[in-house]
Amino acid sequence: MVSALLAAVRAELTKIFTLRSTWVVTGLILALHLLISVANLRLTTEAVANITPDEHIELFAGESRPARPALVDFMISMSFQMCLFLPTLAAVLAGQEFRAHQLGQSILAVPRRGVLIIAKTVAAAAYLLLVSLAIAGISTTFMYSAVQGWDPGVLTSAHALLGQSRFLTFAVLWALVGYALTLISRRTLIGIIATVALTAVTMTQVLAVSVPAVDALFPLSAGRNLLLNPEDSRLTAGRAHALVVLLLWPTFTTAVAGLLLNRRDVR
């Protein structure tokens, strides 16, 4: 069982790394992050240069905060905004199987469909983790450029490391929702549309204002609750609640995808 699973994971990773569409979408996401980071660098550097003697900073006009936590939170939020695009990448990973009509071949190679769905999910999670690490690395590099003349140690503080770990957790779990929804629908476009709809629920802030308890059940809202500072953002639940929600979404959607894979014909 274990050896079959490991072999299936290796096969799925090989498939992911040899897909041209994987590299195209990954490149676009990282290029966009680089572009935004370059645009933010000058403003961040100027804000660091103007840190007051009592170590307060104004990253945004009229908002003075203790410098170290403010800079860490800003770095994490830079990475967080790129998470909006990770489910699209995940949908491309999942959808390739159906566009190329390779699912039948995958079933022949791994007849136990439970093993296949686990292997596909583990492989996708591993690749998405690599991309998320690249996003976090870009954010950290640009923040280091801004703070190196003041206190570069802020980037290796406990607060920063904890924030980075929360970001990576959210990034992978959120993207896996898009992956599972694509497996369920068997259409890349439908997987993307579904995650865009989930994103829109959070971005409009309608539920956050009217029924915050319901808003907290959506994955992107849970990401905000997990990553952002409650003093700066309108949050709808605590971090423990957010983590539970983020774990349940990919678990449930992947389980549904596995059940449907067992019931449907292989096409």
C-alpha atoms as a PDB file:
ATOM      1  CA  MET A   1       0.000   0.000   0.000  1.00  0.00           C
ATOM      2  CA  VAL A   2       2.703   2.485   1.044  1.00  0.00           C
ATOM      3  CA  SER A   3       5.003   1.575  -1.840  1.00  0.00           C
ATOM      4  CA  ALA A   4       2.128   1.858  -4.309  1.00  0.00           C
ATOM      5  CA  LEU A   5       1.218   5.268  -2.901  1.00  0.00           C
ATOM      6  CA  LEU A   6       4.806   6.539  -3.112  1.00  0.00           C
ATOM      7  CA  ALA A   7       5.124   5.318  -6.684  1.00  0.00           C
ATOM      8  CA  ALA A   8       1.842   7.015  -7.596  1.00  0.00           C
ATOM      9  CA  VAL A   9       2.974  10.279  -5.956  1.00  0.00           C
ATOM     10  CA  ARG A  10       6.226  10.207  -7.923  1.00  0.00           C
ATOM     11  CA  ALA A  11       4.296   9.613 -11.139  1.00  0.00           C
ATOM     12  CA  GLU A  12       1.938  12.498 -10.398  1.00  0.00           C
ATOM     13  CA  LEU A  13       4.838  14.822  -9.578  1.00  0.00           C
ATOM     14  CA  THR A  14       6.538  13.873 -12.844  1.00  0.00           C
ATOM     15  CA  LYS A  15       3.315  14.659 -14.670  1.00  0.00           C
ATOM     16  CA  ILE A  16       3.021  18.054 -12.951  1.00  0.00           C
ATOM     17  CA  PHE A  17       6.621  19.075 -13.626  1.00  0.00           C
ATOM     18  CA  THR A  18       6.421  18.121 -17.302  1.00  0.00           C
ATOM     19  CA  LEU A  19       3.276  20.127 -18.053  1.00  0.00           C
ATOM     20  CA  ARG A  20       3.990  23.321 -19.990  1.00  0.00           C
ATOM     21  CA  SER A  21       0.813  24.928 -18.632  1.00  0.00           C
ATOM     22  CA  THR A  22       2.133  24.387 -15.081  1.00  0.00           C
ATOM     23  CA  TRP A  23       5.238  26.458 -15.777  1.00  0.00           C
ATOM     24  CA  VAL A  24       3.326  29.131 -17.684  1.00  0.00           C
ATOM     25  CA  VAL A  25       0.831  29.784 -14.882  1.00  0.00           C
ATOM     26  CA  THR A  26       3.509  29.513 -12.193  1.00  0.00           C
ATOM     27  CA  GLY A  27       5.701  31.975 -14.082  1.00  0.00           C
ATOM     28  CA  LEU A  28       2.856  34.458 -14.458  1.00  0.00           C
ATOM     29  CA  ILE A  29       2.037  34.337 -10.731  1.00  0.00           C
ATOM     30  CA  LEU A  30       5.652  34.821  -9.664  1.00  0.00           C
ATOM     31  CA  ALA A  31       6.231  37.554 -12.268  1.00  0.00           C
ATOM     32  CA  LEU A  32       3.172  39.429 -11.012  1.00  0.00           C
ATOM     33  CA  HIS A  33       4.414  39.125  -7.435  1.00  0.00           C
ATOM     34  CA  LEU A  34       7.820  40.454  -8.459  1.00  0.00           C
ATOM     35  CA  LEU A  35       6.203  43.387 -10.252  1.00  0.00           C
ATOM     36  CA  ILE A  36       4.056  44.326  -7.250  1.00  0.00           C
ATOM     37  CA  SER A  37       6.992  43.887  -4.871  1.00  0.00           C
ATOM     38  CA  VAL A  38       9.175  46.192  -6.960  1.00  0.00           C
ATOM     39  CA  ALA A  39       6.387  48.793  -6.977  1.00  0.00           C
ATOM     40  CA  ASN A  40       6.102  48.603  -3.167  1.00  0.00           C
ATOM     41  CA  LEU A  41       9.845  48.641  -2.452  1.00  0.00           C
ATOM     42  CA  ARG A  42      10.428  52.405  -2.693  1.00  0.00           C
ATOM     43  CA  LEU A  43       7.476  53.261  -0.444  1.00  0.00           C
ATOM     44  CA  THR A  44       8.482  50.628   2.104  1.00  0.00           C
ATOM     45  CA  THR A  45      12.099  51.801   2.113  1.00  0.00           C
ATOM     46  CA  GLU A  46      11.009  55.393   2.653  1.00  0.00           C
ATOM     47  CA  ALA A  47       8.722  54.337   5.506  1.00  0.00           C
ATOM     48  CA  VAL A  48      11.596  52.450   7.160  1.00  0.00           C
ATOM     49  CA  ALA A  49      13.876  55.477   6.769  1.00  0.00           C
ATOM     50  CA  ASN A  50      11.268  57.566   8.613  1.00  0.00           C
ATOM     51  CA  ILE A  51      10.827  55.245  11.597  1.00  0.00           C
ATOM     52  CA  THR A  52      10.487  57.417  14.686  1.00  0.00           C
ATOM     53  CA  PRO A  53      12.827  57.253  17.711  1.00  0.00           C
ATOM     54  CA  ASP A  54      10.167  55.276  19.591  1.00  0.00           C
ATOM     55  CA  GLU A  55      10.193  52.764  16.681  1.00  0.00           C
ATOM     56  CA  HIS A  56       6.828  53.532  15.093  1.00  0.00           C
ATOM     57  CA  ILE A  57       6.273  53.445  11.355  1.00  0.00           C
ATOM     58  CA  GLU A  58       3.705  54.804   8.896  1.00  0.00           C
ATOM     59  CA  LEU A  59       3.355  52.282   6.113  1.00  0.00           C
ATOM     60  CA  PHE A  60       0.062  53.922   5.232  1.00  0.00           C
ATOM     61  CA  ALA A  61      -0.660  57.622   5.641  1.00  0.00           C
ATOM     62  CA  GLY A  62      -2.040  58.416   9.080  1.00  0.00           C
ATOM     63  CA  GLU A  63      -1.536  54.887  10.445  1.00  0.00           C
ATOM     64  CA  SER A  64       1.327  54.797  12.944  1.00  0.00           C
ATOM     65  CA  ARG A  65       2.190  51.361  14.355  1.00  0.00           C
ATOM     66  CA  PRO A  66       5.108  49.691  16.147  1.00  0.00           C
ATOM     67  CA  ALA A  67       7.597  49.102  13.361  1.00  0.00           C
ATOM     68  CA  ARG A  68       8.552  45.448  13.768  1.00  0.00           C
ATOM     69  CA  PRO A  69       5.074  43.869  13.842  1.00  0.00           C
ATOM     70  CA  ALA A  70       3.861  46.304  11.173  1.00  0.00           C
ATOM     71  CA  LEU A  71       6.651  45.328   8.775  1.00  0.00           C
ATOM     72  CA  VAL A  72       6.116  41.610   9.364  1.00  0.00           C
ATOM     73  CA  ASP A  73       2.364  41.949   8.849  1.00  0.00           C
ATOM     74  CA  PHE A  74       2.952  43.914   5.645  1.00  0.00           C
ATOM     75  CA  MET A  75       5.325  41.229   4.351  1.00  0.00           C
ATOM     76  CA  ILE A  76       2.768  38.500   5.055  1.00  0.00           C
ATOM     77  CA  SER A  77      -0.013  40.526   3.429  1.00  0.00           C
ATOM     78  CA  MET A  78       2.157  40.908   0.301  1.00  0.00           C
ATOM     79  CA  SER A  79       2.291  37.126   0.046  1.00  0.00           C
ATOM     80  CA  PHE A  80      -1.377  36.760   0.973  1.00  0.00           C
ATOM     81  CA  GLN A  81      -2.577  38.767  -2.015  1.00  0.00           C
ATOM     82  CA  MET A  82      -0.857  36.292  -4.357  1.00  0.00           C
ATOM     83  CA  CYS A  83      -2.920  33.482  -2.842  1.00  0.00           C
ATOM     84  CA  LEU A  84      -5.860  34.736  -4.875  1.00  0.00           C
ATOM     85  CA  PHE A  85      -4.206  33.147  -7.913  1.00  0.00           C
ATOM     86  CA  LEU A  86      -3.046  29.841  -6.447  1.00  0.00           C
ATOM     87  CA  PRO A  87      -6.407  28.046  -6.917  1.00  0.00           C
ATOM     88  CA  THR A  88      -6.143  28.907 -10.626  1.00  0.00           C
ATOM     89  CA  LEU A  89      -2.798  27.139 -10.745  1.00  0.00           C
ATOM     90  CA  ALA A  90      -4.296  24.208  -8.835  1.00  0.00           C
ATOM     91  CA  ALA A  91      -7.211  24.044 -11.275  1.00  0.00           C
ATOM     92  CA  VAL A  92      -4.764  23.886 -14.189  1.00  0.00           C
ATOM     93  CA  LEU A  93      -2.930  21.018 -12.477  1.00  0.00           C
ATOM     94  CA  ALA A  94      -6.146  19.062 -11.963  1.00  0.00           C
ATOM     95  CA  GLY A  95      -7.761  19.950 -15.271  1.00  0.00           C
ATOM     96  CA  GLN A  96      -4.892  18.739 -17.426  1.00  0.00           C
ATOM     97  CA  GLU A  97      -5.880  15.168 -16.596  1.00  0.00           C
ATOM     98  CA  PHE A  98      -9.245  15.671 -18.245  1.00  0.00           C
ATOM     99  CA  ARG A  99      -8.156  17.904 -21.131  1.00  0.00           C
ATOM    100  CA  ALA A 100      -5.641  15.323 -22.265  1.00  0.00           C
ATOM    101  CA  HIS A 101      -7.997  12.391 -21.484  1.00  0.00           C
ATOM    102  CA  GLN A 102      -5.314  10.826 -19.303  1.00  0.00           C
ATOM    103  CA  LEU A 103      -7.555   9.718 -16.469  1.00  0.00           C
ATOM    104  CA  GLY A 104      -8.130   6.296 -17.995  1.00  0.00           C
ATOM    105  CA  GLN A 105      -4.386   5.738 -18.237  1.00  0.00           C
ATOM    106  CA  SER A 106      -3.936   6.851 -14.631  1.00  0.00           C
ATOM    107  CA  ILE A 107      -6.561   4.345 -13.488  1.00  0.00           C
ATOM    108  CA  LEU A 108      -4.807   1.589 -15.402  1.00  0.00           C
ATOM    109  CA  ALA A 109      -1.540   2.501 -13.691  1.00  0.00           C
ATOM    110  CA  VAL A 110      -3.162   2.850 -10.243  1.00  0.00           C
ATOM    111  CA  PRO A 111      -6.337   0.716 -10.182  1.00  0.00           C
ATOM    112  CA  ARG A 112      -7.138   1.559  -6.545  1.00  0.00           C
ATOM    113  CA  ARG A 113      -8.881   4.868  -6.957  1.00  0.00           C
ATOM    114  CA  GLY A 114      -8.526   5.827  -3.303  1.00  0.00           C
ATOM    115  CA  VAL A 115      -4.753   5.531  -3.651  1.00  0.00           C
ATOM    116  CA  LEU A 116      -4.904   7.544  -6.883  1.00  0.00           C
ATOM    117  CA  ILE A 117      -6.846  10.467  -5.394  1.00  0.00           C
ATOM    118  CA  ILE A 118      -4.528  10.584  -2.364  1.00  0.00           C
ATOM    119  CA  ALA A 119      -1.454  10.481  -4.596  1.00  0.00           C
ATOM    120  CA  LYS A 120      -2.788  13.243  -6.838  1.00  0.00           C
ATOM    121  CA  THR A 121      -3.618  15.422  -3.834  1.00  0.00           C
ATOM    122  CA  VAL A 122      -0.240  14.872  -2.144  1.00  0.00           C
ATOM    123  CA  ALA A 123       1.627  15.640  -5.376  1.00  0.00           C
ATOM    124  CA  ALA A 124      -0.415  18.780  -5.989  1.00  0.00           C
ATOM    125  CA  ALA A 125       0.103  19.903  -2.377  1.00  0.00           C
ATOM    126  CA  ALA A 126       3.863  19.395  -2.712  1.00  0.00           C
ATOM    127  CA  TYR A 127       4.051  21.497  -5.872  1.00  0.00           C
ATOM    128  CA  LEU A 128       1.799  24.194  -4.443  1.00  0.00           C
ATOM    129  CA  LEU A 129       4.005  24.305  -1.348  1.00  0.00           C
ATOM    130  CA  LEU A 130       7.045  24.936  -3.559  1.00  0.00           C
ATOM    131  CA  VAL A 131       5.273  27.802  -5.307  1.00  0.00           C
ATOM    132  CA  SER A 132       4.124  29.209  -1.966  1.00  0.00           C
ATOM    133  CA  LEU A 133       7.703  29.048  -0.676  1.00  0.00           C
ATOM    134  CA  ALA A 134       8.806  30.986  -3.758  1.00  0.00           C
ATOM    135  CA  ILE A 135       6.148  33.632  -3.087  1.00  0.00           C
ATOM    136  CA  ALA A 136       7.207  33.909   0.561  1.00  0.00           C
ATOM    137  CA  GLY A 137      10.842  34.072  -0.538  1.00  0.00           C
ATOM    138  CA  ILE A 138      10.156  36.970  -2.889  1.00  0.00           C
ATOM    139  CA  SER A 139       8.282  38.878  -0.186  1.00  0.00           C
ATOM    140  CA  THR A 140      11.087  38.250   2.308  1.00  0.00           C
ATOM    141  CA  THR A 141      13.795  39.304  -0.150  1.00  0.00           C
ATOM    142  CA  PHE A 142      12.140  42.618  -0.934  1.00  0.00           C
ATOM    143  CA  MET A 143      11.406  43.282   2.724  1.00  0.00           C
ATOM    144  CA  TYR A 144      15.047  42.549   3.538  1.00  0.00           C
ATOM    145  CA  SER A 145      16.045  45.145   0.942  1.00  0.00           C
ATOM    146  CA  ALA A 146      13.891  47.686   2.780  1.00  0.00           C
ATOM    147  CA  VAL A 147      14.999  46.897   6.355  1.00  0.00           C
ATOM    148  CA  GLN A 148      18.633  45.828   5.922  1.00  0.00           C
ATOM    149  CA  GLY A 149      19.916  49.235   7.035  1.00  0.00           C
ATOM    150  CA  TRP A 150      17.650  49.304  10.083  1.00  0.00           C
ATOM    151  CA  ASP A 151      17.103  45.826  11.574  1.00  0.00           C
ATOM    152  CA  PRO A 152      17.246  42.810   9.223  1.00  0.00           C
ATOM    153  CA  GLY A 153      16.772  40.560  12.237  1.00  0.00           C
ATOM    154  CA  VAL A 154      13.073  41.402  12.194  1.00  0.00           C
ATOM    155  CA  LEU A 155      12.664  38.906   9.340  1.00  0.00           C
ATOM    156  CA  THR A 156      13.916  36.012  11.461  1.00  0.00           C
ATOM    157  CA  SER A 157      11.976  36.939  14.587  1.00  0.00           C
ATOM    158  CA  ALA A 158       9.472  34.535  16.121  1.00  0.00           C
ATOM    159  CA  HIS A 159       6.623  36.732  14.883  1.00  0.00           C
ATOM    160  CA  ALA A 160       7.931  36.606  11.311  1.00  0.00           C
ATOM    161  CA  LEU A 161       8.552  32.851  11.295  1.00  0.00           C
ATOM    162  CA  LEU A 162       5.116  32.154  12.764  1.00  0.00           C
ATOM    163  CA  GLY A 163       3.521  34.441  10.189  1.00  0.00           C
ATOM    164  CA  GLN A 164       5.354  32.676   7.355  1.00  0.00           C
ATOM    165  CA  SER A 165       4.227  29.262   8.609  1.00  0.00           C
ATOM    166  CA  ARG A 166       0.629  30.457   8.771  1.00  0.00           C
ATOM    167  CA  PHE A 167       0.906  31.804   5.246  1.00  0.00           C
ATOM    168  CA  LEU A 168       2.252  28.523   3.858  1.00  0.00           C
ATOM    169  CA  THR A 169      -0.486  26.570   5.631  1.00  0.00           C
ATOM    170  CA  PHE A 170      -3.202  28.779   4.235  1.00  0.00           C
ATOM    171  CA  ALA A 171      -1.718  28.948   0.729  1.00  0.00           C
ATOM    172  CA  VAL A 172      -1.610  25.180   0.283  1.00  0.00           C
ATOM    173  CA  LEU A 173      -4.988  24.427   1.883  1.00  0.00           C
ATOM    174  CA  TRP A 174      -6.746  27.206  -0.046  1.00  0.00           C
ATOM    175  CA  ALA A 175      -5.240  26.111  -3.363  1.00  0.00           C
ATOM    176  CA  LEU A 176      -6.219  22.490  -2.708  1.00  0.00           C
ATOM    177  CA  VAL A 177      -9.850  23.606  -2.582  1.00  0.00           C
ATOM    178  CA  GLY A 178      -9.530  24.760  -6.202  1.00  0.00           C
ATOM    179  CA  TYR A 179      -7.779  21.504  -7.061  1.00  0.00           C
ATOM    180  CA  ALA A 180     -10.551  19.365  -5.566  1.00  0.00           C
ATOM    181  CA  LEU A 181     -13.344  21.451  -7.113  1.00  0.00           C
ATOM    182  CA  THR A 182     -11.756  20.923 -10.528  1.00  0.00           C
ATOM    183  CA  LEU A 183     -11.560  17.169  -9.936  1.00  0.00           C
ATOM    184  CA  ILE A 184     -15.233  17.197  -8.971  1.00  0.00           C
ATOM    185  CA  SER A 185     -16.374  19.197 -12.010  1.00  0.00           C
ATOM    186  CA  ARG A 186     -13.807  17.712 -14.430  1.00  0.00           C
ATOM    187  CA  ARG A 187     -13.487  21.156 -16.009  1.00  0.00           C
ATOM    188  CA  THR A 188     -10.663  23.605 -15.378  1.00  0.00           C
ATOM    189  CA  LEU A 189     -12.876  26.601 -16.101  1.00  0.00           C
ATOM    190  CA  ILE A 190     -15.548  25.456 -13.650  1.00  0.00           C
ATOM    191  CA  GLY A 191     -12.910  24.952 -10.953  1.00  0.00           C
ATOM    192  CA  ILE A 192     -11.610  28.472 -11.546  1.00  0.00           C
ATOM    193  CA  ILE A 193     -15.106  29.984 -11.579  1.00  0.00           C
ATOM    194  CA  ALA A 194     -15.990  28.205  -8.321  1.00  0.00           C
ATOM    195  CA  THR A 195     -12.928  29.583  -6.525  1.00  0.00           C
ATOM    196  CA  VAL A 196     -13.536  33.049  -7.975  1.00  0.00           C
ATOM    197  CA  ALA A 197     -17.053  32.874  -6.539  1.00  0.00           C
ATOM    198  CA  LEU A 198     -15.670  31.873  -3.123  1.00  0.00           C
ATOM    199  CA  THR A 199     -13.200  34.748  -3.361  1.00  0.00           C
ATOM    200  CA  ALA A 200     -15.924  37.224  -4.288  1.00  0.00           C
ATOM    201  CA  VAL A 201     -17.925  36.309  -1.177  1.00  0.00           C
ATOM    202  CA  THR A 202     -15.008  37.432   0.974  1.00  0.00           C
ATOM    203  CA  MET A 203     -13.856  40.404  -1.092  1.00  0.00           C
ATOM    204  CA  THR A 204     -17.279  42.062  -1.180  1.00  0.00           C
ATOM    205  CA  GLN A 205     -17.409  41.943   2.660  1.00  0.00           C
ATOM    206  CA  VAL A 206     -21.207  41.670   2.516  1.00  0.00           C
ATOM    207  CA  LEU A 207     -21.360  38.624   4.798  1.00  0.00           C
ATOM    208  CA  ALA A 208     -18.602  40.000   7.028  1.00  0.00           C
ATOM    209  CA  VAL A 209     -20.837  42.970   7.833  1.00  0.00           C
ATOM    210  CA  SER A 210     -24.232  41.254   7.975  1.00  0.00           C
ATOM    211  CA  VAL A 211     -23.532  37.687   9.189  1.00  0.00           C
ATOM    212  CA  PRO A 212     -19.877  37.395  10.258  1.00  0.00           C
ATOM    213  CA  ALA A 213     -20.369  33.862  11.593  1.00  0.00           C
ATOM    214  CA  VAL A 214     -21.279  32.672   8.090  1.00  0.00           C
ATOM    215  CA  ASP A 215     -18.484  34.679   6.477  1.00  0.00           C
ATOM    216  CA  ALA A 216     -15.983  32.940   8.758  1.00  0.00           C
ATOM    217  CA  LEU A 217     -16.930  29.593   7.183  1.00  0.00           C
ATOM    218  CA  PHE A 218     -15.571  30.557   3.751  1.00  0.00           C
ATOM    219  CA  PRO A 219     -11.956  29.587   3.006  1.00  0.00           C
ATOM    220  CA  LEU A 220     -10.598  32.979   1.945  1.00  0.00           C
ATOM    221  CA  SER A 221     -12.244  34.610   4.948  1.00  0.00           C
ATOM    222  CA  ALA A 222     -10.597  31.959   7.098  1.00  0.00           C
ATOM    223  CA  GLY A 223      -7.300  32.914   5.483  1.00  0.00           C
ATOM    224  CA  ARG A 224      -7.809  36.546   6.412  1.00  0.00           C
ATOM    225  CA  ASN A 225      -8.707  35.524   9.953  1.00  0.00           C
ATOM    226  CA  LEU A 226      -5.592  33.359  10.188  1.00  0.00           C
ATOM    227  CA  LEU A 227      -3.086  35.812   8.716  1.00  0.00           C
ATOM    228  CA  LEU A 228      -4.180  39.391   9.203  1.00  0.00           C
ATOM    229  CA  ASN A 229      -3.930  41.570  12.289  1.00  0.00           C
ATOM    230  CA  PRO A 230      -7.360  42.118  13.912  1.00  0.00           C
ATOM    231  CA  GLU A 231      -6.308  45.668  14.794  1.00  0.00           C
ATOM    232  CA  ASP A 232      -5.972  46.555  11.112  1.00  0.00           C
ATOM    233  CA  SER A 233      -8.674  44.464   9.436  1.00  0.00           C
ATOM    234  CA  ARG A 234     -12.318  43.556   9.988  1.00  0.00           C
ATOM    235  CA  LEU A 235     -12.020  39.884  10.935  1.00  0.00           C
ATOM    236  CA  THR A 236     -14.880  37.499  11.630  1.00  0.00           C
ATOM    237  CA  ALA A 237     -13.290  34.740  13.755  1.00  0.00           C
ATOM    238  CA  GLY A 238     -10.182  33.773  15.670  1.00  0.00           C
ATOM    239  CA  ARG A 239      -7.151  31.943  14.322  1.00  0.00           C
ATOM    240  CA  ALA A 240      -8.068  28.551  15.791  1.00  0.00           C
ATOM    241  CA  HIS A 241     -11.499  28.708  14.141  1.00  0.00           C
ATOM    242  CA  ALA A 242      -9.865  29.783  10.875  1.00  0.00           C
ATOM    243  CA  LEU A 243      -7.456  26.848  10.899  1.00  0.00           C
ATOM    244  CA  VAL A 244     -10.278  24.354  11.456  1.00  0.00           C
ATOM    245  CA  VAL A 245     -12.242  25.846   8.554  1.00  0.00           C
ATOM    246  CA  LEU A 246      -9.193  25.728   6.292  1.00  0.00           C
ATOM    247  CA  LEU A 247      -8.589  22.071   7.132  1.00  0.00           C
ATOM    248  CA  LEU A 248     -12.221  21.079   6.588  1.00  0.00           C
ATOM    249  CA  TRP A 249     -12.603  22.657   3.131  1.00  0.00           C
ATOM    250  CA  PRO A 250      -9.940  20.637   1.259  1.00  0.00           C
ATOM    251  CA  THR A 251     -10.708  17.528   3.320  1.00  0.00           C
ATOM    252  CA  PHE A 252     -14.394  17.592   2.399  1.00  0.00           C
ATOM    253  CA  THR A 253     -13.953  18.581  -1.257  1.00  0.00           C
ATOM    254  CA  THR A 254     -11.200  16.003  -1.790  1.00  0.00           C
ATOM    255  CA  ALA A 255     -13.370  13.311  -0.201  1.00  0.00           C
ATOM    256  CA  VAL A 256     -16.203  14.224  -2.570  1.00  0.00           C
ATOM    257  CA  ALA A 257     -13.810  14.116  -5.520  1.00  0.00           C
ATOM    258  CA  GLY A 258     -12.677  10.644  -4.430  1.00  0.00           C
ATOM    259  CA  LEU A 259     -16.256   9.379  -4.112  1.00  0.00           C
ATOM    260  CA  LEU A 260     -17.166  10.704  -7.545  1.00  0.00           C
ATOM    261  CA  LEU A 261     -14.062   9.148  -9.053  1.00  0.00           C
ATOM    262  CA  ASN A 262     -15.262   5.782  -7.754  1.00  0.00           C
ATOM    263  CA  ARG A 263     -18.773   6.243  -9.117  1.00  0.00           C
ATOM    264  CA  ARG A 264     -18.179   7.840 -12.521  1.00  0.00           C
ATOM    265  CA  ASP A 265     -16.911   6.174 -15.623  1.00  0.00           C
ATOM    266  CA  VAL A 266     -13.316   6.923 -16.525  1.00  0.00           C
ATOM    267  CA  ARG A 267     -13.123   9.482 -19.356  1.00  0.00           C
END
